[in-house]
Amino acid sequence: AYGHVSLRHPTEPNRFLLSCSRSPRLVDRGDIM
């Protein structure tokens, strides 16, 4: 419940995308920071 996955931003390589702090099974598009 405390694990997560991030992704390097596809067009800005000096940024990455990661959910706000919440369980990975509940993540939706609006949670991405």
PDB file of all heavy atoms in Angstrom:
ATOM      1  N   ALA A   1       0.811  -1.218   0.000  1.00  0.00           N
ATOM      2  CA  ALA A   1       0.000   0.000   0.000  1.00  0.00           C
ATOM      3  C   ALA A   1       0.842   1.264   0.000  1.00  0.00           C
ATOM      4  O   ALA A   1       0.335   2.349  -0.268  1.00  0.00           O
ATOM      5  CB  ALA A   1      -0.935  -0.003   1.204  1.00  0.00           C
ATOM      6  N   TYR A   2       2.135   1.151   0.297  1.00  0.00           N
ATOM      7  CA  TYR A   2       3.018   2.314   0.336  1.00  0.00           C
ATOM      8  C   TYR A   2       3.992   2.339  -0.841  1.00  0.00           C
ATOM      9  O   TYR A   2       4.822   3.232  -0.936  1.00  0.00           O
ATOM     10  CB  TYR A   2       3.792   2.345   1.652  1.00  0.00           C
ATOM     11  CG  TYR A   2       2.876   2.337   2.839  1.00  0.00           C
ATOM     12  CD1 TYR A   2       2.687   1.178   3.581  1.00  0.00           C
ATOM     13  CD2 TYR A   2       2.160   3.478   3.197  1.00  0.00           C
ATOM     14  CE1 TYR A   2       1.831   1.164   4.670  1.00  0.00           C
ATOM     15  CE2 TYR A   2       1.297   3.465   4.275  1.00  0.00           C
ATOM     16  CZ  TYR A   2       1.146   2.305   5.011  1.00  0.00           C
ATOM     17  OH  TYR A   2       0.284   2.289   6.074  1.00  0.00           O
ATOM     18  N   GLY A   3       3.907   1.383  -1.725  1.00  0.00           N
ATOM     19  CA  GLY A   3       4.775   1.349  -2.894  1.00  0.00           C
ATOM     20  C   GLY A   3       4.226   2.235  -3.997  1.00  0.00           C
ATOM     21  O   GLY A   3       3.088   2.703  -3.934  1.00  0.00           O
ATOM     22  N   HIS A   4       5.059   2.483  -5.008  1.00  0.00           N
ATOM     23  CA  HIS A   4       4.621   3.342  -6.101  1.00  0.00           C
ATOM     24  C   HIS A   4       5.577   3.220  -7.278  1.00  0.00           C
ATOM     25  O   HIS A   4       6.682   2.701  -7.153  1.00  0.00           O
ATOM     26  CB  HIS A   4       4.528   4.800  -5.646  1.00  0.00           C
ATOM     27  CG  HIS A   4       5.674   5.235  -4.804  1.00  0.00           C
ATOM     28  ND1 HIS A   4       5.672   5.077  -3.436  1.00  0.00           N
ATOM     29  CD2 HIS A   4       6.859   5.774  -5.118  1.00  0.00           C
ATOM     30  CE1 HIS A   4       6.816   5.520  -2.954  1.00  0.00           C
ATOM     31  NE2 HIS A   4       7.556   5.950  -3.965  1.00  0.00           N
ATOM     32  N   VAL A   5       5.132   3.730  -8.402  1.00  0.00           N
ATOM     33  CA  VAL A   5       5.938   3.729  -9.627  1.00  0.00           C
ATOM     34  C   VAL A   5       5.923   5.134 -10.208  1.00  0.00           C
ATOM     35  O   VAL A   5       4.927   5.850 -10.110  1.00  0.00           O
ATOM     36  CB  VAL A   5       5.417   2.676 -10.642  1.00  0.00           C
ATOM     37  CG1 VAL A   5       3.988   2.929 -11.029  1.00  0.00           C
ATOM     38  CG2 VAL A   5       6.299   2.602 -11.865  1.00  0.00           C
ATOM     39  N   SER A   6       7.054   5.527 -10.761  1.00  0.00           N
ATOM     40  CA  SER A   6       7.149   6.833 -11.420  1.00  0.00           C
ATOM     41  C   SER A   6       7.572   6.634 -12.864  1.00  0.00           C
ATOM     42  O   SER A   6       8.019   5.556 -13.254  1.00  0.00           O
ATOM     43  CB  SER A   6       8.153   7.735 -10.699  1.00  0.00           C
ATOM     44  OG  SER A   6       9.460   7.213 -10.816  1.00  0.00           O
ATOM     45  N   LEU A   7       7.452   7.695 -13.636  1.00  0.00           N
ATOM     46  CA  LEU A   7       7.763   7.655 -15.057  1.00  0.00           C
ATOM     47  C   LEU A   7       8.486   8.947 -15.426  1.00  0.00           C
ATOM     48  O   LEU A   7       8.042  10.033 -15.040  1.00  0.00           O
ATOM     49  CB  LEU A   7       6.452   7.541 -15.836  1.00  0.00           C
ATOM     50  CG  LEU A   7       6.488   7.472 -17.348  1.00  0.00           C
ATOM     51  CD1 LEU A   7       7.103   6.146 -17.794  1.00  0.00           C
ATOM     52  CD2 LEU A   7       5.070   7.603 -17.895  1.00  0.00           C
ATOM     53  N   ARG A   8       9.607   8.810 -16.152  1.00  0.00           N
ATOM     54  CA  ARG A   8      10.269  10.020 -16.645  1.00  0.00           C
ATOM     55  C   ARG A   8       9.301  10.724 -17.589  1.00  0.00           C
ATOM     56  O   ARG A   8       8.612  10.087 -18.384  1.00  0.00           O
ATOM     57  CB  ARG A   8      11.559   9.666 -17.381  1.00  0.00           C
ATOM     58  CG  ARG A   8      12.378  10.913 -17.748  1.00  0.00           C
ATOM     59  CD  ARG A   8      13.627  10.577 -18.518  1.00  0.00           C
ATOM     60  NE  ARG A   8      14.601   9.822 -17.776  1.00  0.00           N
ATOM     61  CZ  ARG A   8      15.551  10.340 -16.989  1.00  0.00           C
ATOM     62  NH1 ARG A   8      15.628  11.644 -16.828  1.00  0.00           N
ATOM     63  NH2 ARG A   8      16.411   9.554 -16.364  1.00  0.00           N
ATOM     64  N   HIS A   9       9.222  12.027 -17.486  1.00  0.00           N
ATOM     65  CA  HIS A   9       8.312  12.792 -18.333  1.00  0.00           C
ATOM     66  C   HIS A   9       8.675  12.538 -19.795  1.00  0.00           C
ATOM     67  O   HIS A   9       9.841  12.619 -20.169  1.00  0.00           O
ATOM     68  CB  HIS A   9       8.409  14.281 -18.007  1.00  0.00           C
ATOM     69  CG  HIS A   9       7.289  15.081 -18.543  1.00  0.00           C
ATOM     70  ND1 HIS A   9       7.162  15.382 -19.886  1.00  0.00           N
ATOM     71  CD2 HIS A   9       6.218  15.653 -17.928  1.00  0.00           C
ATOM     72  CE1 HIS A   9       6.080  16.102 -20.071  1.00  0.00           C
ATOM     73  NE2 HIS A   9       5.484  16.283 -18.906  1.00  0.00           N
ATOM     74  N   PRO A  10       7.712  12.223 -20.655  1.00  0.00           N
ATOM     75  CA  PRO A  10       8.028  11.841 -22.036  1.00  0.00           C
ATOM     76  C   PRO A  10       8.597  12.966 -22.904  1.00  0.00           C
ATOM     77  O   PRO A  10       9.321  12.693 -23.868  1.00  0.00           O
ATOM     78  CB  PRO A  10       6.696  11.347 -22.590  1.00  0.00           C
ATOM     79  CG  PRO A  10       5.661  11.970 -21.726  1.00  0.00           C
ATOM     80  CD  PRO A  10       6.293  12.126 -20.359  1.00  0.00           C
ATOM     81  N   THR A  11       8.307  14.218 -22.583  1.00  0.00           N
ATOM     82  CA  THR A  11       8.816  15.323 -23.400  1.00  0.00           C
ATOM     83  C   THR A  11       9.758  16.252 -22.644  1.00  0.00           C
ATOM     84  O   THR A  11      10.400  17.105 -23.251  1.00  0.00           O
ATOM     85  CB  THR A  11       7.648  16.160 -23.966  1.00  0.00           C
ATOM     86  OG1 THR A  11       6.885  16.694 -22.885  1.00  0.00           O
ATOM     87  CG2 THR A  11       6.776  15.315 -24.878  1.00  0.00           C
ATOM     88  N   GLU A  12       9.840  16.122 -21.335  1.00  0.00           N
ATOM     89  CA  GLU A  12      10.740  16.934 -20.513  1.00  0.00           C
ATOM     90  C   GLU A  12      11.605  15.986 -19.677  1.00  0.00           C
ATOM     91  O   GLU A  12      11.240  15.648 -18.551  1.00  0.00           O
ATOM     92  CB  GLU A  12       9.936  17.865 -19.606  1.00  0.00           C
ATOM     93  CG  GLU A  12       9.076  18.861 -20.367  1.00  0.00           C
ATOM     94  CD  GLU A  12       8.268  19.737 -19.431  1.00  0.00           C
ATOM     95  OE1 GLU A  12       8.881  20.363 -18.542  1.00  0.00           O
ATOM     96  OE2 GLU A  12       7.049  19.787 -19.595  1.00  0.00           O
ATOM     97  N   PRO A  13      12.748  15.550 -20.197  1.00  0.00           N
ATOM     98  CA  PRO A  13      13.549  14.526 -19.520  1.00  0.00           C
ATOM     99  C   PRO A  13      14.110  14.938 -18.167  1.00  0.00           C
ATOM    100  O   PRO A  13      14.558  14.079 -17.406  1.00  0.00           O
ATOM    101  CB  PRO A  13      14.675  14.241 -20.517  1.00  0.00           C
ATOM    102  CG  PRO A  13      14.693  15.383 -21.462  1.00  0.00           C
ATOM    103  CD  PRO A  13      13.317  15.967 -21.469  1.00  0.00           C
ATOM    104  N   ASN A  14      14.039  16.215 -17.809  1.00  0.00           N
ATOM    105  CA  ASN A  14      14.498  16.665 -16.497  1.00  0.00           C
ATOM    106  C   ASN A  14      13.363  16.744 -15.486  1.00  0.00           C
ATOM    107  O   ASN A  14      13.489  17.390 -14.451  1.00  0.00           O
ATOM    108  CB  ASN A  14      15.204  18.021 -16.613  1.00  0.00           C
ATOM    109  CG  ASN A  14      16.533  17.876 -17.310  1.00  0.00           C
ATOM    110  OD1 ASN A  14      17.207  16.855 -17.179  1.00  0.00           O
ATOM    111  ND2 ASN A  14      16.905  18.881 -18.070  1.00  0.00           N
ATOM    112  N   ARG A  15      12.279  16.048 -15.797  1.00  0.00           N
ATOM    113  CA  ARG A  15      11.130  15.945 -14.894  1.00  0.00           C
ATOM    114  C   ARG A  15      10.645  14.507 -14.869  1.00  0.00           C
ATOM    115  O   ARG A  15      10.923  13.732 -15.768  1.00  0.00           O
ATOM    116  CB  ARG A  15       9.990  16.851 -15.347  1.00  0.00           C
ATOM    117  CG  ARG A  15      10.282  18.310 -15.165  1.00  0.00           C
ATOM    118  CD  ARG A  15       9.042  19.123 -15.425  1.00  0.00           C
ATOM    119  NE  ARG A  15       9.324  20.519 -15.180  1.00  0.00           N
ATOM    120  CZ  ARG A  15       8.404  21.405 -14.872  1.00  0.00           C
ATOM    121  NH1 ARG A  15       7.145  21.041 -14.789  1.00  0.00           N
ATOM    122  NH2 ARG A  15       8.725  22.660 -14.660  1.00  0.00           N
ATOM    123  N   PHE A  16       9.903  14.182 -13.822  1.00  0.00           N
ATOM    124  CA  PHE A  16       9.269  12.867 -13.786  1.00  0.00           C
ATOM    125  C   PHE A  16       7.879  12.991 -13.193  1.00  0.00           C
ATOM    126  O   PHE A  16       7.536  13.994 -12.562  1.00  0.00           O
ATOM    127  CB  PHE A  16      10.126  11.835 -13.038  1.00  0.00           C
ATOM    128  CG  PHE A  16      10.321  12.084 -11.567  1.00  0.00           C
ATOM    129  CD1 PHE A  16       9.522  11.460 -10.624  1.00  0.00           C
ATOM    130  CD2 PHE A  16      11.337  12.916 -11.117  1.00  0.00           C
ATOM    131  CE1 PHE A  16       9.707  11.673  -9.267  1.00  0.00           C
ATOM    132  CE2 PHE A  16      11.545  13.132  -9.767  1.00  0.00           C
ATOM    133  CZ  PHE A  16      10.733  12.508  -8.837  1.00  0.00           C
ATOM    134  N   LEU A  17       7.071  11.982 -13.444  1.00  0.00           N
ATOM    135  CA  LEU A  17       5.679  11.932 -13.009  1.00  0.00           C
ATOM    136  C   LEU A  17       5.536  10.885 -11.917  1.00  0.00           C
ATOM    137  O   LEU A  17       6.081   9.787 -12.026  1.00  0.00           O
ATOM    138  CB  LEU A  17       4.779  11.564 -14.190  1.00  0.00           C
ATOM    139  CG  LEU A  17       4.931  12.410 -15.449  1.00  0.00           C
ATOM    140  CD1 LEU A  17       4.149  11.789 -16.603  1.00  0.00           C
ATOM    141  CD2 LEU A  17       4.481  13.829 -15.187  1.00  0.00           C
ATOM    142  N   LEU A  18       4.807  11.232 -10.869  1.00  0.00           N
ATOM    143  CA  LEU A  18       4.595  10.337  -9.731  1.00  0.00           C
ATOM    144  C   LEU A  18       3.287  10.749  -9.070  1.00  0.00           C
ATOM    145  O   LEU A  18       2.989  11.946  -8.971  1.00  0.00           O
ATOM    146  CB  LEU A  18       5.770  10.467  -8.754  1.00  0.00           C
ATOM    147  CG  LEU A  18       5.731   9.700  -7.449  1.00  0.00           C
ATOM    148  CD1 LEU A  18       5.820   8.194  -7.684  1.00  0.00           C
ATOM    149  CD2 LEU A  18       6.884  10.154  -6.545  1.00  0.00           C
ATOM    150  N   SER A  19       2.544   9.790  -8.610  1.00  0.00           N
ATOM    151  CA  SER A  19       1.281  10.084  -7.933  1.00  0.00           C
ATOM    152  C   SER A  19       1.519  10.853  -6.644  1.00  0.00           C
ATOM    153  O   SER A  19       2.584  10.767  -6.039  1.00  0.00           O
ATOM    154  CB  SER A  19       0.572   8.769  -7.612  1.00  0.00           C
ATOM    155  OG  SER A  19      -0.535   8.992  -6.765  1.00  0.00           O
ATOM    156  N   CYS A  20       0.492  11.577  -6.202  1.00  0.00           N
ATOM    157  CA  CYS A  20       0.532  12.119  -4.848  1.00  0.00           C
ATOM    158  C   CYS A  20       0.521  10.917  -3.900  1.00  0.00           C
ATOM    159  O   CYS A  20       0.313   9.782  -4.317  1.00  0.00           O
ATOM    160  CB  CYS A  20      -0.662  13.041  -4.602  1.00  0.00           C
ATOM    161  SG  CYS A  20      -2.284  12.249  -4.725  1.00  0.00           S
ATOM    162  N   SER A  21       0.758  11.152  -2.646  1.00  0.00           N
ATOM    163  CA  SER A  21       0.893  10.067  -1.681  1.00  0.00           C
ATOM    164  C   SER A  21      -0.450   9.377  -1.436  1.00  0.00           C
ATOM    165  O   SER A  21      -1.296   9.877  -0.700  1.00  0.00           O
ATOM    166  CB  SER A  21       1.449  10.619  -0.367  1.00  0.00           C
ATOM    167  OG  SER A  21       1.662   9.576   0.548  1.00  0.00           O
ATOM    168  N   ARG A  22      -0.615   8.230  -2.088  1.00  0.00           N
ATOM    169  CA  ARG A  22      -1.803   7.399  -1.883  1.00  0.00           C
ATOM    170  C   ARG A  22      -1.509   5.984  -2.332  1.00  0.00           C
ATOM    171  O   ARG A  22      -0.546   5.735  -3.038  1.00  0.00           O
ATOM    172  CB  ARG A  22      -3.028   7.983  -2.557  1.00  0.00           C
ATOM    173  CG  ARG A  22      -3.087   7.857  -4.059  1.00  0.00           C
ATOM    174  CD  ARG A  22      -4.332   8.463  -4.637  1.00  0.00           C
ATOM    175  NE  ARG A  22      -5.529   7.968  -3.963  1.00  0.00           N
ATOM    176  CZ  ARG A  22      -6.756   8.183  -4.358  1.00  0.00           C
ATOM    177  NH1 ARG A  22      -6.980   8.900  -5.425  1.00  0.00           N
ATOM    178  NH2 ARG A  22      -7.782   7.696  -3.715  1.00  0.00           N
ATOM    179  N   SER A  23      -2.320   5.057  -1.919  1.00  0.00           N
ATOM    180  CA  SER A  23      -2.126   3.659  -2.271  1.00  0.00           C
ATOM    181  C   SER A  23      -2.125   3.478  -3.785  1.00  0.00           C
ATOM    182  O   SER A  23      -2.976   4.043  -4.479  1.00  0.00           O
ATOM    183  CB  SER A  23      -3.233   2.806  -1.654  1.00  0.00           C
ATOM    184  OG  SER A  23      -3.139   1.478  -2.093  1.00  0.00           O
ATOM    185  N   PRO A  24      -1.186   2.694  -4.324  1.00  0.00           N
ATOM    186  CA  PRO A  24      -1.117   2.526  -5.776  1.00  0.00           C
ATOM    187  C   PRO A  24      -2.377   1.908  -6.387  1.00  0.00           C
ATOM    188  O   PRO A  24      -2.680   2.170  -7.542  1.00  0.00           O
ATOM    189  CB  PRO A  24       0.099   1.624  -5.980  1.00  0.00           C
ATOM    190  CG  PRO A  24       0.332   0.967  -4.674  1.00  0.00           C
ATOM    191  CD  PRO A  24      -0.166   1.913  -3.628  1.00  0.00           C
ATOM    192  N   ARG A  25      -3.117   1.145  -5.628  1.00  0.00           N
ATOM    193  CA  ARG A  25      -4.329   0.549  -6.205  1.00  0.00           C
ATOM    194  C   ARG A  25      -5.453   1.571  -6.375  1.00  0.00           C
ATOM    195  O   ARG A  25      -6.460   1.297  -7.016  1.00  0.00           O
ATOM    196  CB  ARG A  25      -4.795  -0.675  -5.423  1.00  0.00           C
ATOM    197  CG  ARG A  25      -5.393  -0.435  -4.078  1.00  0.00           C
ATOM    198  CD  ARG A  25      -5.863  -1.721  -3.397  1.00  0.00           C
ATOM    199  NE  ARG A  25      -4.752  -2.595  -3.078  1.00  0.00           N
ATOM    200  CZ  ARG A  25      -4.579  -3.819  -3.607  1.00  0.00           C
ATOM    201  NH1 ARG A  25      -5.447  -4.301  -4.437  1.00  0.00           N
ATOM    202  NH2 ARG A  25      -3.543  -4.547  -3.278  1.00  0.00           N
ATOM    203  N   LEU A  26      -5.283   2.778  -5.828  1.00  0.00           N
ATOM    204  CA  LEU A  26      -6.304   3.823  -5.939  1.00  0.00           C
ATOM    205  C   LEU A  26      -5.925   4.956  -6.881  1.00  0.00           C
ATOM    206  O   LEU A  26      -6.717   5.876  -7.108  1.00  0.00           O
ATOM    207  CB  LEU A  26      -6.573   4.420  -4.551  1.00  0.00           C
ATOM    208  CG  LEU A  26      -7.041   3.446  -3.472  1.00  0.00           C
ATOM    209  CD1 LEU A  26      -7.137   4.150  -2.140  1.00  0.00           C
ATOM    210  CD2 LEU A  26      -8.341   2.779  -3.858  1.00  0.00           C
ATOM    211  N   VAL A  27      -4.715   4.928  -7.427  1.00  0.00           N
ATOM    212  CA  VAL A  27      -4.213   6.033  -8.249  1.00  0.00           C
ATOM    213  C   VAL A  27      -5.057   6.215  -9.504  1.00  0.00           C
ATOM    214  O   VAL A  27      -5.411   5.247 -10.175  1.00  0.00           O
ATOM    215  CB  VAL A  27      -2.735   5.785  -8.629  1.00  0.00           C
ATOM    216  CG1 VAL A  27      -2.254   6.784  -9.671  1.00  0.00           C
ATOM    217  CG2 VAL A  27      -1.859   5.848  -7.388  1.00  0.00           C
ATOM    218  N   ASP A  28      -5.388   7.490  -9.809  1.00  0.00           N
ATOM    219  CA  ASP A  28      -6.026   7.814 -11.086  1.00  0.00           C
ATOM    220  C   ASP A  28      -5.291   9.005 -11.705  1.00  0.00           C
ATOM    221  O   ASP A  28      -4.369   9.560 -11.107  1.00  0.00           O
ATOM    222  CB  ASP A  28      -7.529   8.055 -10.945  1.00  0.00           C
ATOM    223  CG  ASP A  28      -7.885   9.248 -10.079  1.00  0.00           C
ATOM    224  OD1 ASP A  28      -7.126  10.231 -10.058  1.00  0.00           O
ATOM    225  OD2 ASP A  28      -8.934   9.210  -9.426  1.00  0.00           O
ATOM    226  N   ARG A  29      -5.680   9.403 -12.904  1.00  0.00           N
ATOM    227  CA  ARG A  29      -4.947  10.454 -13.643  1.00  0.00           C
ATOM    228  C   ARG A  29      -4.834  11.758 -12.868  1.00  0.00           C
ATOM    229  O   ARG A  29      -3.829  12.446 -12.941  1.00  0.00           O
ATOM    230  CB  ARG A  29      -5.603  10.719 -14.998  1.00  0.00           C
ATOM    231  CG  ARG A  29      -5.310   9.654 -15.985  1.00  0.00           C
ATOM    232  CD  ARG A  29      -5.768   9.910 -17.370  1.00  0.00           C
ATOM    233  NE  ARG A  29      -6.668  11.038 -17.592  1.00  0.00           N
ATOM    234  CZ  ARG A  29      -7.189  11.332 -18.757  1.00  0.00           C
ATOM    235  NH1 ARG A  29      -6.915  10.598 -19.793  1.00  0.00           N
ATOM    236  NH2 ARG A  29      -7.990  12.352 -18.900  1.00  0.00           N
ATOM    237  N   GLY A  30      -5.850  12.096 -12.128  1.00  0.00           N
ATOM    238  CA  GLY A  30      -5.835  13.337 -11.363  1.00  0.00           C
ATOM    239  C   GLY A  30      -4.851  13.340 -10.205  1.00  0.00           C
ATOM    240  O   GLY A  30      -4.581  14.386  -9.622  1.00  0.00           O
ATOM    241  N   ASP A  31      -4.310  12.188  -9.858  1.00  0.00           N
ATOM    242  CA  ASP A  31      -3.362  12.087  -8.745  1.00  0.00           C
ATOM    243  C   ASP A  31      -1.914  12.338  -9.158  1.00  0.00           C
ATOM    244  O   ASP A  31      -1.041  12.473  -8.306  1.00  0.00           O
ATOM    245  CB  ASP A  31      -3.425  10.683  -8.118  1.00  0.00           C
ATOM    246  CG  ASP A  31      -4.764  10.411  -7.476  1.00  0.00           C
ATOM    247  OD1 ASP A  31      -5.337  11.341  -6.871  1.00  0.00           O
ATOM    248  OD2 ASP A  31      -5.234   9.268  -7.575  1.00  0.00           O
ATOM    249  N   ILE A  32      -1.647  12.397 -10.455  1.00  0.00           N
ATOM    250  CA  ILE A  32      -0.267  12.479 -10.933  1.00  0.00           C
ATOM    251  C   ILE A  32       0.289  13.890 -10.736  1.00  0.00           C
ATOM    252  O   ILE A  32      -0.326  14.881 -11.098  1.00  0.00           O
ATOM    253  CB  ILE A  32      -0.160  12.068 -12.414  1.00  0.00           C
ATOM    254  CG1 ILE A  32      -0.793  10.685 -12.635  1.00  0.00           C
ATOM    255  CG2 ILE A  32       1.296  12.105 -12.879  1.00  0.00           C
ATOM    256  CD1 ILE A  32      -0.223   9.564 -11.811  1.00  0.00           C
ATOM    257  N   MET A  33       1.484  13.947 -10.153  1.00  0.00           N
ATOM    258  CA  MET A  33       2.198  15.200  -9.903  1.00  0.00           C
ATOM    259  C   MET A  33       3.467  15.234 -10.755  1.00  0.00           C
ATOM    260  O   MET A  33       3.945  14.189 -11.187  1.00  0.00           O
ATOM    261  CB  MET A  33       2.566  15.309  -8.421  1.00  0.00           C
ATOM    262  CG  MET A  33       1.377  15.275  -7.474  1.00  0.00           C
ATOM    263  SD  MET A  33       1.863  15.196  -5.730  1.00  0.00           S
ATOM    264  CE  MET A  33       2.527  16.844  -5.488  1.00  0.00           C
TER     265      MET A  33
END
